[in-house]
PDB file of N, CA and C in Angstrom:
ATOM      1  N   MET A   1     -13.940  42.130 198.543  1.00  0.00           N
ATOM      2  CA  MET A   1     -12.965  41.692 197.723  1.00  0.00           C
ATOM      3  C   MET A   1     -11.873  42.963 197.883  1.00  0.00           C
ATOM      4  N   LYS A   2     -10.608  42.454 198.253  1.00  0.00           N
ATOM      5  CA  LYS A   2      -9.548  43.827 197.978  1.00  0.00           C
ATOM      6  C   LYS A   2      -8.985  44.075 196.867  1.00  0.00           C
ATOM      7  N   LEU A   3      -8.848  45.197 196.276  1.00  0.00           N
ATOM      8  CA  LEU A   3      -8.442  46.142 195.359  1.00  0.00           C
ATOM      9  C   LEU A   3      -6.698  45.284 194.694  1.00  0.00           C
ATOM     10  N   LYS A   4      -6.419  45.027 193.883  1.00  0.00           N
ATOM     11  CA  LYS A   4      -5.374  44.486 193.902  1.00  0.00           C
ATOM     12  C   LYS A   4      -4.187  45.848 192.589  1.00  0.00           C
ATOM     13  N   HIS A   5      -5.173  46.458 192.008  1.00  0.00           N
ATOM     14  CA  HIS A   5      -3.930  47.645 190.864  1.00  0.00           C
ATOM     15  C   HIS A   5      -5.083  48.785 190.898  1.00  0.00           C
ATOM     16  N   TYR A   6      -4.680  50.001 190.701  1.00  0.00           N
ATOM     17  CA  TYR A   6      -5.487  51.305 190.930  1.00  0.00           C
ATOM     18  C   TYR A   6      -6.214  50.736 189.152  1.00  0.00           C
ATOM     19  N   GLN A   7      -5.622  50.169 188.464  1.00  0.00           N
ATOM     20  CA  GLN A   7      -6.400  50.057 187.100  1.00  0.00           C
ATOM     21  C   GLN A   7      -7.672  49.379 187.000  1.00  0.00           C
ATOM     22  N   GLU A   8      -8.199  48.956 188.553  1.00  0.00           N
ATOM     23  CA  GLU A   8      -9.164  47.969 188.439  1.00  0.00           C
ATOM     24  C   GLU A   8     -10.272  49.383 189.025  1.00  0.00           C
ATOM     25  N   LEU A   9      -9.734  50.421 189.219  1.00  0.00           N
ATOM     26  CA  LEU A   9     -10.483  51.416 189.822  1.00  0.00           C
ATOM     27  C   LEU A   9     -11.741  52.425 188.904  1.00  0.00           C
ATOM     28  N   ILE A  10     -12.360  52.414 189.146  1.00  0.00           N
ATOM     29  CA  ILE A  10     -13.505  53.015 187.411  1.00  0.00           C
ATOM     30  C   ILE A  10     -13.395  54.741 188.060  1.00  0.00           C
ATOM     31  N   VAL A  11     -12.662  54.875 188.871  1.00  0.00           N
ATOM     32  CA  VAL A  11     -12.539  56.275 188.999  1.00  0.00           C
ATOM     33  C   VAL A  11     -11.426  56.625 187.904  1.00  0.00           C
ATOM     34  N   TRP A  12     -10.519  55.709 187.922  1.00  0.00           N
ATOM     35  CA  TRP A  12      -9.019  56.005 187.311  1.00  0.00           C
ATOM     36  C   TRP A  12      -9.484  55.522 186.045  1.00  0.00           C
ATOM     37  N   GLN A  13     -10.159  54.946 185.436  1.00  0.00           N
ATOM     38  CA  GLN A  13     -10.549  54.767 183.934  1.00  0.00           C
ATOM     39  C   GLN A  13     -11.188  55.733 183.458  1.00  0.00           C
ATOM     40  N   LYS A  14     -12.118  56.164 184.159  1.00  0.00           N
ATOM     41  CA  LYS A  14     -13.011  57.306 183.702  1.00  0.00           C
ATOM     42  C   LYS A  14     -12.132  58.748 183.736  1.00  0.00           C
ATOM     43  N   ALA A  15     -11.129  58.760 184.291  1.00  0.00           N
ATOM     44  CA  ALA A  15      -9.952  59.759 184.625  1.00  0.00           C
ATOM     45  C   ALA A  15      -9.272  59.750 183.318  1.00  0.00           C
ATOM     46  N   MET A  16      -9.020  58.646 182.758  1.00  0.00           N
ATOM     47  CA  MET A  16      -8.004  58.061 181.972  1.00  0.00           C
ATOM     48  C   MET A  16      -9.216  58.242 180.326  1.00  0.00           C
ATOM     49  N   ASP A  17     -10.334  58.153 180.545  1.00  0.00           N
ATOM     50  CA  ASP A  17     -11.126  58.416 179.283  1.00  0.00           C
ATOM     51  C   ASP A  17     -11.092  60.412 178.940  1.00  0.00           C
ATOM     52  N   LEU A  18     -10.938  61.022 180.279  1.00  0.00           N
ATOM     53  CA  LEU A  18     -11.006  61.983 180.331  1.00  0.00           C
ATOM     54  C   LEU A  18     -10.107  62.990 179.635  1.00  0.00           C
ATOM     55  N   VAL A  19      -8.640  62.243 180.001  1.00  0.00           N
ATOM     56  CA  VAL A  19      -7.354  62.504 179.291  1.00  0.00           C
ATOM     57  C   VAL A  19      -7.578  62.733 177.968  1.00  0.00           C
ATOM     58  N   GLU A  20      -7.894  61.666 177.480  1.00  0.00           N
ATOM     59  CA  GLU A  20      -8.075  61.337 175.939  1.00  0.00           C
ATOM     60  C   GLU A  20      -8.643  62.228 175.235  1.00  0.00           C
ATOM     61  N   GLU A  21     -10.125  62.700 175.745  1.00  0.00           N
ATOM     62  CA  GLU A  21     -10.836  63.437 175.432  1.00  0.00           C
ATOM     63  C   GLU A  21     -10.155  64.949 175.432  1.00  0.00           C
ATOM     64  N   VAL A  22      -9.373  65.384 176.601  1.00  0.00           N
ATOM     65  CA  VAL A  22      -8.797  66.822 176.724  1.00  0.00           C
ATOM     66  C   VAL A  22      -8.019  66.722 175.855  1.00  0.00           C
ATOM     67  N   TYR A  23      -6.927  65.952 175.327  1.00  0.00           N
ATOM     68  CA  TYR A  23      -6.029  65.924 174.175  1.00  0.00           C
ATOM     69  C   TYR A  23      -6.416  66.137 172.830  1.00  0.00           C
ATOM     70  N   LYS A  24      -7.387  65.370 172.533  1.00  0.00           N
ATOM     71  CA  LYS A  24      -8.056  65.467 171.592  1.00  0.00           C
ATOM     72  C   LYS A  24      -8.382  66.700 170.967  1.00  0.00           C
ATOM     73  N   ALA A  25      -9.299  67.333 172.516  1.00  0.00           N
ATOM     74  CA  ALA A  25     -10.085  68.929 172.040  1.00  0.00           C
ATOM     75  C   ALA A  25      -8.767  69.664 172.068  1.00  0.00           C
ATOM     76  N   SER A  26      -7.643  69.681 172.784  1.00  0.00           N
ATOM     77  CA  SER A  26      -6.849  70.581 172.583  1.00  0.00           C
ATOM     78  C   SER A  26      -5.927  70.611 171.753  1.00  0.00           C
ATOM     79  N   ARG A  27      -5.988  69.687 170.422  1.00  0.00           N
ATOM     80  CA  ARG A  27      -5.012  69.801 169.701  1.00  0.00           C
ATOM     81  C   ARG A  27      -5.515  70.715 168.791  1.00  0.00           C
ATOM     82  N   THR A  28      -6.952  71.537 168.673  1.00  0.00           N
ATOM     83  CA  THR A  28      -7.075  72.679 167.611  1.00  0.00           C
ATOM     84  C   THR A  28      -6.652  73.855 168.205  1.00  0.00           C
ATOM     85  N   PHE A  29      -6.279  73.884 169.374  1.00  0.00           N
ATOM     86  CA  PHE A  29      -6.515  75.445 169.780  1.00  0.00           C
ATOM     87  C   PHE A  29      -5.096  76.224 169.029  1.00  0.00           C
ATOM     88  N   PRO A  30      -5.395  77.517 168.746  1.00  0.00           N
ATOM     89  CA  PRO A  30      -3.738  77.831 168.064  1.00  0.00           C
ATOM     90  C   PRO A  30      -2.585  77.525 168.948  1.00  0.00           C
ATOM     91  N   GLY A  31      -2.108  77.705 168.030  1.00  0.00           N
ATOM     92  CA  GLY A  31      -0.571  77.335 167.993  1.00  0.00           C
ATOM     93  C   GLY A  31       0.422  78.037 169.365  1.00  0.00           C
ATOM     94  N   GLU A  32      -0.022  79.026 169.159  1.00  0.00           N
ATOM     95  CA  GLU A  32       0.768  80.173 170.011  1.00  0.00           C
ATOM     96  C   GLU A  32      -0.015  79.803 171.490  1.00  0.00           C
ATOM     97  N   GLU A  33      -0.969  78.730 171.730  1.00  0.00           N
ATOM     98  CA  GLU A  33      -1.130  78.257 173.095  1.00  0.00           C
ATOM     99  C   GLU A  33      -0.718  77.078 173.729  1.00  0.00           C
ATOM    100  N   ILE A  34       0.504  76.759 172.963  1.00  0.00           N
ATOM    101  CA  ILE A  34       0.831  75.322 172.908  1.00  0.00           C
ATOM    102  C   ILE A  34       1.697  75.028 174.378  1.00  0.00           C
ATOM    103  N   TYR A  35       1.918  76.432 174.655  1.00  0.00           N
ATOM    104  CA  TYR A  35       2.762  76.384 176.077  1.00  0.00           C
ATOM    105  C   TYR A  35       1.823  77.017 177.046  1.00  0.00           C
ATOM    106  N   ALA A  36       0.715  77.580 176.957  1.00  0.00           N
ATOM    107  CA  ALA A  36      -0.128  78.039 177.684  1.00  0.00           C
ATOM    108  C   ALA A  36      -0.981  77.146 177.833  1.00  0.00           C
ATOM    109  N   LEU A  37      -2.028  77.507 177.851  1.00  0.00           N
ATOM    110  CA  LEU A  37      -3.701  77.190 178.128  1.00  0.00           C
ATOM    111  C   LEU A  37      -3.352  75.323 177.735  1.00  0.00           C
ATOM    112  N   THR A  38      -3.028  75.095 176.416  1.00  0.00           N
ATOM    113  CA  THR A  38      -3.042  73.708 175.713  1.00  0.00           C
ATOM    114  C   THR A  38      -2.257  72.974 176.889  1.00  0.00           C
ATOM    115  N   SER A  39      -0.636  73.369 177.170  1.00  0.00           N
ATOM    116  CA  SER A  39      -0.187  72.738 178.438  1.00  0.00           C
ATOM    117  C   SER A  39      -0.882  72.798 179.532  1.00  0.00           C
ATOM    118  N   GLN A  40      -1.518  73.429 179.848  1.00  0.00           N
ATOM    119  CA  GLN A  40      -2.024  73.726 181.655  1.00  0.00           C
ATOM    120  C   GLN A  40      -3.091  72.924 181.309  1.00  0.00           C
ATOM    121  N   LEU A  41      -3.791  72.605 180.062  1.00  0.00           N
ATOM    122  CA  LEU A  41      -5.550  72.103 179.998  1.00  0.00           C
ATOM    123  C   LEU A  41      -4.720  70.581 180.253  1.00  0.00           C
ATOM    124  N   ARG A  42      -3.919  69.911 179.231  1.00  0.00           N
ATOM    125  CA  ARG A  42      -3.144  68.996 179.302  1.00  0.00           C
ATOM    126  C   ARG A  42      -2.529  68.510 180.764  1.00  0.00           C
ATOM    127  N   ARG A  43      -1.749  69.253 181.324  1.00  0.00           N
ATOM    128  CA  ARG A  43      -1.469  68.742 182.468  1.00  0.00           C
ATOM    129  C   ARG A  43      -2.590  68.547 184.126  1.00  0.00           C
ATOM    130  N   ALA A  44      -3.160  69.371 183.942  1.00  0.00           N
ATOM    131  CA  ALA A  44      -4.376  69.338 184.692  1.00  0.00           C
ATOM    132  C   ALA A  44      -5.064  68.313 185.029  1.00  0.00           C
ATOM    133  N   ALA A  45      -5.401  67.631 183.109  1.00  0.00           N
ATOM    134  CA  ALA A  45      -6.305  66.550 183.058  1.00  0.00           C
ATOM    135  C   ALA A  45      -5.231  64.935 183.373  1.00  0.00           C
ATOM    136  N   VAL A  46      -3.889  65.351 182.897  1.00  0.00           N
ATOM    137  CA  VAL A  46      -2.810  64.124 183.449  1.00  0.00           C
ATOM    138  C   VAL A  46      -2.918  63.976 185.115  1.00  0.00           C
ATOM    139  N   SER A  47      -3.097  64.774 185.772  1.00  0.00           N
ATOM    140  CA  SER A  47      -2.850  65.131 187.133  1.00  0.00           C
ATOM    141  C   SER A  47      -4.071  64.125 187.919  1.00  0.00           C
ATOM    142  N   ILE A  48      -5.200  64.512 187.347  1.00  0.00           N
ATOM    143  CA  ILE A  48      -6.150  63.656 187.886  1.00  0.00           C
ATOM    144  C   ILE A  48      -5.953  62.103 187.805  1.00  0.00           C
ATOM    145  N   PRO A  49      -5.871  61.267 186.555  1.00  0.00           N
ATOM    146  CA  PRO A  49      -5.287  59.846 187.048  1.00  0.00           C
ATOM    147  C   PRO A  49      -3.995  59.500 187.436  1.00  0.00           C
ATOM    148  N   SER A  50      -3.409  60.165 187.876  1.00  0.00           N
ATOM    149  CA  SER A  50      -1.937  60.328 187.915  1.00  0.00           C
ATOM    150  C   SER A  50      -2.004  60.284 189.344  1.00  0.00           C
ATOM    151  N   ASN A  51      -2.872  60.942 190.324  1.00  0.00           N
ATOM    152  CA  ASN A  51      -2.780  61.118 191.652  1.00  0.00           C
ATOM    153  C   ASN A  51      -3.607  59.966 191.928  1.00  0.00           C
ATOM    154  N   VAL A  52      -4.903  59.795 191.244  1.00  0.00           N
ATOM    155  CA  VAL A  52      -5.353  58.756 191.921  1.00  0.00           C
ATOM    156  C   VAL A  52      -4.102  57.381 191.751  1.00  0.00           C
ATOM    157  N   ALA A  53      -3.980  56.890 191.026  1.00  0.00           N
ATOM    158  CA  ALA A  53      -2.683  55.800 190.745  1.00  0.00           C
ATOM    159  C   ALA A  53      -1.665  55.925 192.271  1.00  0.00           C
ATOM    160  N   GLU A  54      -1.253  56.995 191.731  1.00  0.00           N
ATOM    161  CA  GLU A  54       0.418  57.401 193.006  1.00  0.00           C
ATOM    162  C   GLU A  54      -0.890  56.883 194.776  1.00  0.00           C
ATOM    163  N   GLY A  55      -2.227  57.626 194.436  1.00  0.00           N
ATOM    164  CA  GLY A  55      -2.527  57.413 195.672  1.00  0.00           C
ATOM    165  C   GLY A  55      -2.450  56.202 196.293  1.00  0.00           C
ATOM    166  N   GLN A  56      -3.127  55.359 195.829  1.00  0.00           N
ATOM    167  CA  GLN A  56      -3.145  54.090 195.475  1.00  0.00           C
ATOM    168  C   GLN A  56      -2.393  53.062 195.741  1.00  0.00           C
ATOM    169  N   GLY A  57      -1.365  53.645 195.304  1.00  0.00           N
ATOM    170  CA  GLY A  57       0.078  52.897 195.657  1.00  0.00           C
ATOM    171  C   GLY A  57       0.934  53.362 197.317  1.00  0.00           C
ATOM    172  N   ARG A  58       0.251  54.150 197.771  1.00  0.00           N
ATOM    173  CA  ARG A  58       0.727  54.568 198.826  1.00  0.00           C
ATOM    174  C   ARG A  58       0.271  53.477 200.011  1.00  0.00           C
ATOM    175  N   ARG A  59       1.082  53.533 201.284  1.00  0.00           N
ATOM    176  CA  ARG A  59       0.877  52.705 202.032  1.00  0.00           C
ATOM    177  C   ARG A  59      -0.465  52.625 203.533  1.00  0.00           C
ATOM    178  N   THR A  60      -0.557  54.183 202.654  1.00  0.00           N
ATOM    179  CA  THR A  60      -1.764  54.219 204.169  1.00  0.00           C
ATOM    180  C   THR A  60      -3.085  54.900 203.568  1.00  0.00           C
ATOM    181  N   THR A  61      -4.311  54.761 204.399  1.00  0.00           N
ATOM    182  CA  THR A  61      -5.458  55.394 203.948  1.00  0.00           C
ATOM    183  C   THR A  61      -5.386  57.102 204.093  1.00  0.00           C
ATOM    184  N   GLN A  62      -4.533  57.960 204.683  1.00  0.00           N
ATOM    185  CA  GLN A  62      -4.657  59.180 204.245  1.00  0.00           C
ATOM    186  C   GLN A  62      -3.808  59.546 203.452  1.00  0.00           C
ATOM    187  N   ASP A  63      -2.739  59.139 203.447  1.00  0.00           N
ATOM    188  CA  ASP A  63      -1.814  58.995 201.607  1.00  0.00           C
ATOM    189  C   ASP A  63      -2.929  59.215 200.728  1.00  0.00           C
ATOM    190  N   PHE A  64      -3.444  57.995 200.582  1.00  0.00           N
ATOM    191  CA  PHE A  64      -4.489  57.491 199.675  1.00  0.00           C
ATOM    192  C   PHE A  64      -5.833  59.469 199.625  1.00  0.00           C
ATOM    193  N   LEU A  65      -5.967  59.103 200.606  1.00  0.00           N
ATOM    194  CA  LEU A  65      -6.803  60.516 200.490  1.00  0.00           C
ATOM    195  C   LEU A  65      -6.430  61.628 200.394  1.00  0.00           C
ATOM    196  N   ARG A  66      -5.043  62.092 200.433  1.00  0.00           N
ATOM    197  CA  ARG A  66      -4.291  63.594 200.355  1.00  0.00           C
ATOM    198  C   ARG A  66      -4.128  63.520 198.674  1.00  0.00           C
ATOM    199  N   HIS A  67      -4.090  62.544 197.849  1.00  0.00           N
ATOM    200  CA  HIS A  67      -3.833  62.111 196.741  1.00  0.00           C
ATOM    201  C   HIS A  67      -5.193  62.353 196.136  1.00  0.00           C
ATOM    202  N   LEU A  68      -6.003  61.627 196.416  1.00  0.00           N
ATOM    203  CA  LEU A  68      -7.462  62.116 196.046  1.00  0.00           C
ATOM    204  C   LEU A  68      -7.627  63.957 195.806  1.00  0.00           C
ATOM    205  N   SER A  69      -7.703  64.078 196.964  1.00  0.00           N
ATOM    206  CA  SER A  69      -7.640  65.248 197.338  1.00  0.00           C
ATOM    207  C   SER A  69      -7.219  66.267 196.306  1.00  0.00           C
ATOM    208  N   ILE A  70      -5.940  65.915 196.293  1.00  0.00           N
ATOM    209  CA  ILE A  70      -5.088  66.615 194.754  1.00  0.00           C
ATOM    210  C   ILE A  70      -5.624  66.427 193.597  1.00  0.00           C
ATOM    211  N   ALA A  71      -6.213  65.562 193.182  1.00  0.00           N
ATOM    212  CA  ALA A  71      -6.994  64.914 191.960  1.00  0.00           C
ATOM    213  C   ALA A  71      -7.847  65.562 191.801  1.00  0.00           C
ATOM    214  N   TYR A  72      -9.168  65.854 192.894  1.00  0.00           N
ATOM    215  CA  TYR A  72     -10.282  66.479 193.204  1.00  0.00           C
ATOM    216  C   TYR A  72      -9.467  67.981 192.611  1.00  0.00           C
ATOM    217  N   GLY A  73      -9.103  68.794 193.250  1.00  0.00           N
ATOM    218  CA  GLY A  73      -8.332  69.807 193.196  1.00  0.00           C
ATOM    219  C   GLY A  73      -7.802  70.344 191.292  1.00  0.00           C
ATOM    220  N   SER A  74      -7.218  69.207 191.099  1.00  0.00           N
ATOM    221  CA  SER A  74      -6.692  69.358 189.671  1.00  0.00           C
ATOM    222  C   SER A  74      -8.036  69.261 188.583  1.00  0.00           C
ATOM    223  N   LEU A  75      -9.067  68.471 188.905  1.00  0.00           N
ATOM    224  CA  LEU A  75     -10.245  68.423 188.013  1.00  0.00           C
ATOM    225  C   LEU A  75     -11.105  69.560 187.994  1.00  0.00           C
ATOM    226  N   LEU A  76     -10.859  70.482 189.312  1.00  0.00           N
ATOM    227  CA  LEU A  76     -11.367  71.728 189.130  1.00  0.00           C
ATOM    228  C   LEU A  76     -10.488  72.806 188.201  1.00  0.00           C
ATOM    229  N   GLU A  77      -9.285  72.296 188.633  1.00  0.00           N
ATOM    230  CA  GLU A  77      -8.926  73.343 187.389  1.00  0.00           C
ATOM    231  C   GLU A  77      -9.102  73.168 186.182  1.00  0.00           C
ATOM    232  N   LEU A  78      -9.257  71.640 185.733  1.00  0.00           N
ATOM    233  CA  LEU A  78      -9.131  71.563 184.484  1.00  0.00           C
ATOM    234  C   LEU A  78     -10.521  71.872 183.782  1.00  0.00           C
ATOM    235  N   GLU A  79     -11.647  71.849 185.040  1.00  0.00           N
ATOM    236  CA  GLU A  79     -13.223  72.856 184.432  1.00  0.00           C
ATOM    237  C   GLU A  79     -12.781  73.997 183.985  1.00  0.00           C
ATOM    238  N   THR A  80     -12.190  74.553 184.752  1.00  0.00           N
ATOM    239  CA  THR A  80     -11.748  76.200 184.449  1.00  0.00           C
ATOM    240  C   THR A  80     -11.095  76.558 183.698  1.00  0.00           C
ATOM    241  N   GLN A  81     -10.119  75.513 183.240  1.00  0.00           N
ATOM    242  CA  GLN A  81      -9.443  75.587 182.306  1.00  0.00           C
ATOM    243  C   GLN A  81     -10.223  75.592 180.766  1.00  0.00           C
ATOM    244  N   VAL A  82     -11.381  74.609 181.072  1.00  0.00           N
ATOM    245  CA  VAL A  82     -11.965  74.337 180.366  1.00  0.00           C
ATOM    246  C   VAL A  82     -12.945  75.502 179.798  1.00  0.00           C
ATOM    247  N   LEU A  83     -13.360  76.400 180.301  1.00  0.00           N
ATOM    248  CA  LEU A  83     -14.408  77.109 180.508  1.00  0.00           C
ATOM    249  C   LEU A  83     -13.506  78.427 179.685  1.00  0.00           C
ATOM    250  N   ILE A  84     -12.212  78.491 180.773  1.00  0.00           N
ATOM    251  CA  ILE A  84     -11.565  79.563 179.840  1.00  0.00           C
ATOM    252  C   ILE A  84     -11.605  79.180 178.243  1.00  0.00           C
ATOM    253  N   ALA A  85     -11.001  78.143 177.988  1.00  0.00           N
ATOM    254  CA  ALA A  85     -11.318  77.753 176.574  1.00  0.00           C
ATOM    255  C   ALA A  85     -12.056  77.862 175.591  1.00  0.00           C
ATOM    256  N   THR A  86     -13.509  78.081 176.258  1.00  0.00           N
ATOM    257  CA  THR A  86     -14.290  78.322 175.283  1.00  0.00           C
ATOM    258  C   THR A  86     -14.636  79.518 175.311  1.00  0.00           C
ATOM    259  N   ARG A  87     -14.742  80.079 176.796  1.00  0.00           N
ATOM    260  CA  ARG A  87     -14.785  81.714 176.272  1.00  0.00           C
ATOM    261  C   ARG A  87     -13.807  82.170 175.049  1.00  0.00           C
ATOM    262  N   LEU A  88     -12.704  81.970 174.886  1.00  0.00           N
ATOM    263  CA  LEU A  88     -11.736  81.890 174.025  1.00  0.00           C
ATOM    264  C   LEU A  88     -11.972  81.824 172.501  1.00  0.00           C
ATOM    265  N   ARG A  89     -13.211  80.942 172.740  1.00  0.00           N
ATOM    266  CA  ARG A  89     -13.533  80.691 171.225  1.00  0.00           C
ATOM    267  C   ARG A  89     -12.659  79.280 170.931  1.00  0.00           C
ATOM    268  N   TYR A  90     -11.739  78.780 171.561  1.00  0.00           N
ATOM    269  CA  TYR A  90     -11.274  77.735 170.912  1.00  0.00           C
ATOM    270  C   TYR A  90     -11.927  76.403 170.999  1.00  0.00           C
ATOM    271  N   LEU A  91     -12.487  76.524 172.087  1.00  0.00           N
ATOM    272  CA  LEU A  91     -13.590  75.076 172.294  1.00  0.00           C
ATOM    273  C   LEU A  91     -15.286  75.145 171.791  1.00  0.00           C
ATOM    274  N   ALA A  92     -15.411  74.745 170.958  1.00  0.00           N
ATOM    275  CA  ALA A  92     -17.317  74.989 171.205  1.00  0.00           C
ATOM    276  C   ALA A  92     -17.955  74.846 171.930  1.00  0.00           C
ATOM    277  N   GLN A  93     -19.128  75.244 171.880  1.00  0.00           N
ATOM    278  CA  GLN A  93     -19.672  74.933 173.446  1.00  0.00           C
ATOM    279  C   GLN A  93     -20.410  73.706 173.612  1.00  0.00           C
ATOM    280  N   GLY A  94     -20.819  72.714 172.483  1.00  0.00           N
ATOM    281  CA  GLY A  94     -20.932  71.344 172.786  1.00  0.00           C
ATOM    282  C   GLY A  94     -19.960  70.324 173.012  1.00  0.00           C
ATOM    283  N   LYS A  95     -18.331  70.779 172.455  1.00  0.00           N
ATOM    284  CA  LYS A  95     -17.476  69.558 172.905  1.00  0.00           C
ATOM    285  C   LYS A  95     -17.321  70.361 174.748  1.00  0.00           C
ATOM    286  N   CYS A  96     -17.431  71.965 174.908  1.00  0.00           N
ATOM    287  CA  CYS A  96     -17.154  71.940 176.241  1.00  0.00           C
ATOM    288  C   CYS A  96     -17.949  71.114 177.462  1.00  0.00           C
ATOM    289  N   GLN A  97     -19.140  71.104 176.644  1.00  0.00           N
ATOM    290  CA  GLN A  97     -20.188  70.630 177.566  1.00  0.00           C
ATOM    291  C   GLN A  97     -19.520  68.842 177.687  1.00  0.00           C
ATOM    292  N   ASP A  98     -19.630  68.120 176.747  1.00  0.00           N
ATOM    293  CA  ASP A  98     -19.104  66.893 176.714  1.00  0.00           C
ATOM    294  C   ASP A  98     -18.154  66.713 177.788  1.00  0.00           C
ATOM    295  N   ILE A  99     -17.105  67.984 177.771  1.00  0.00           N
ATOM    296  CA  ILE A  99     -16.171  67.226 178.661  1.00  0.00           C
ATOM    297  C   ILE A  99     -16.455  67.700 180.195  1.00  0.00           C
ATOM    298  N   LEU A 100     -17.455  68.780 180.602  1.00  0.00           N
ATOM    299  CA  LEU A 100     -17.568  69.319 181.811  1.00  0.00           C
ATOM    300  C   LEU A 100     -18.912  67.848 182.365  1.00  0.00           C
ATOM    301  N   ASN A 101     -19.555  67.009 181.508  1.00  0.00           N
ATOM    302  CA  ASN A 101     -19.698  65.996 181.794  1.00  0.00           C
ATOM    303  C   ASN A 101     -18.959  64.792 181.932  1.00  0.00           C
ATOM    304  N   MET A 102     -18.011  64.860 181.624  1.00  0.00           N
ATOM    305  CA  MET A 102     -17.175  63.662 181.665  1.00  0.00           C
ATOM    306  C   MET A 102     -16.388  64.283 183.623  1.00  0.00           C
ATOM    307  N   THR A 103     -15.683  65.729 183.719  1.00  0.00           N
ATOM    308  CA  THR A 103     -15.450  66.268 184.901  1.00  0.00           C
ATOM    309  C   THR A 103     -16.648  65.780 186.116  1.00  0.00           C
ATOM    310  N   ALA A 104     -17.341  65.968 185.903  1.00  0.00           N
ATOM    311  CA  ALA A 104     -18.689  65.578 186.581  1.00  0.00           C
ATOM    312  C   ALA A 104     -18.618  64.600 187.152  1.00  0.00           C
ATOM    313  N   GLU A 105     -18.833  63.599 186.042  1.00  0.00           N
ATOM    314  CA  GLU A 105     -18.820  62.312 186.425  1.00  0.00           C
ATOM    315  C   GLU A 105     -17.485  61.549 187.432  1.00  0.00           C
ATOM    316  N   VAL A 106     -16.270  61.522 186.654  1.00  0.00           N
ATOM    317  CA  VAL A 106     -15.359  61.700 187.579  1.00  0.00           C
ATOM    318  C   VAL A 106     -15.425  62.455 189.305  1.00  0.00           C
ATOM    319  N   GLY A 107     -15.903  63.636 188.781  1.00  0.00           N
ATOM    320  CA  GLY A 107     -15.728  64.276 190.397  1.00  0.00           C
ATOM    321  C   GLY A 107     -16.873  63.499 191.254  1.00  0.00           C
ATOM    322  N   ARG A 108     -17.978  62.985 190.927  1.00  0.00           N
ATOM    323  CA  ARG A 108     -18.557  61.981 191.583  1.00  0.00           C
ATOM    324  C   ARG A 108     -17.928  60.574 192.204  1.00  0.00           C
ATOM    325  N   LEU A 109     -17.150  60.325 191.186  1.00  0.00           N
ATOM    326  CA  LEU A 109     -16.617  59.510 191.906  1.00  0.00           C
ATOM    327  C   LEU A 109     -15.316  59.226 192.783  1.00  0.00           C
ATOM    328  N   LEU A 110     -14.668  60.132 192.464  1.00  0.00           N
ATOM    329  CA  LEU A 110     -14.064  61.075 193.196  1.00  0.00           C
ATOM    330  C   LEU A 110     -14.349  61.042 195.035  1.00  0.00           C
ATOM    331  N   ASN A 111     -15.311  61.692 195.116  1.00  0.00           N
ATOM    332  CA  ASN A 111     -16.000  61.993 196.047  1.00  0.00           C
ATOM    333  C   ASN A 111     -16.771  60.623 196.724  1.00  0.00           C
ATOM    334  N   GLY A 112     -17.587  59.942 195.982  1.00  0.00           N
ATOM    335  CA  GLY A 112     -17.819  58.666 196.632  1.00  0.00           C
ATOM    336  C   GLY A 112     -16.459  58.279 197.298  1.00  0.00           C
ATOM    337  N   LEU A 113     -15.171  57.573 196.438  1.00  0.00           N
ATOM    338  CA  LEU A 113     -13.723  57.394 196.733  1.00  0.00           C
ATOM    339  C   LEU A 113     -13.692  58.056 198.369  1.00  0.00           C
ATOM    340  N   MET A 114     -13.854  59.010 198.044  1.00  0.00           N
ATOM    341  CA  MET A 114     -12.890  59.755 199.462  1.00  0.00           C
ATOM    342  C   MET A 114     -14.036  59.920 200.731  1.00  0.00           C
ATOM    343  N   PHE A 115     -15.514  59.388 199.975  1.00  0.00           N
ATOM    344  CA  PHE A 115     -16.279  59.177 201.410  1.00  0.00           C
ATOM    345  C   PHE A 115     -16.048  57.783 201.915  1.00  0.00           C
ATOM    346  N   SER A 116     -16.108  56.982 201.218  1.00  0.00           N
ATOM    347  CA  SER A 116     -15.503  55.797 201.275  1.00  0.00           C
ATOM    348  C   SER A 116     -14.800  55.401 202.108  1.00  0.00           C
ATOM    349  N   LEU A 117     -13.425  55.888 202.030  1.00  0.00           N
ATOM    350  CA  LEU A 117     -12.077  55.777 202.535  1.00  0.00           C
ATOM    351  C   LEU A 117     -12.034  56.537 203.800  1.00  0.00           C
ATOM    352  N   ALA A 118     -12.753  57.554 204.171  1.00  0.00           N
ATOM    353  CA  ALA A 118     -12.948  58.187 205.196  1.00  0.00           C
ATOM    354  C   ALA A 118     -13.433  57.377 206.580  1.00  0.00           C
ATOM    355  N   LYS A 119     -14.614  56.710 206.018  1.00  0.00           N
ATOM    356  CA  LYS A 119     -15.661  56.034 207.282  1.00  0.00           C
ATOM    357  C   LYS A 119     -14.022  54.937 208.548  1.00  0.00           C
TER     358      LYS A 119
END
């Protein structure tokens, strides 16, 4: 069965859930962080499903793989920023772990999709 739309990709769906969680968690960050860590965290999160969608819309498998690689880089950026927010005590340890569990799942899905496309 051929994929018709990026929204059918489980990795895109899970990445969208991750974006929601990051936005909810970052609402409690100090106001002074709105243009710094809050903004960076949200942009990294949004970049993940955005690159999955853009890549799926490209005409070649190579383009799709490149965008999935960018999404994976954004995922690691997001993980780092979540750890920074936790060290600064903007995020509780439990919330940090929840988000990291979500990033791990999205990472596995991205890797699986990249592996299957590279064959």
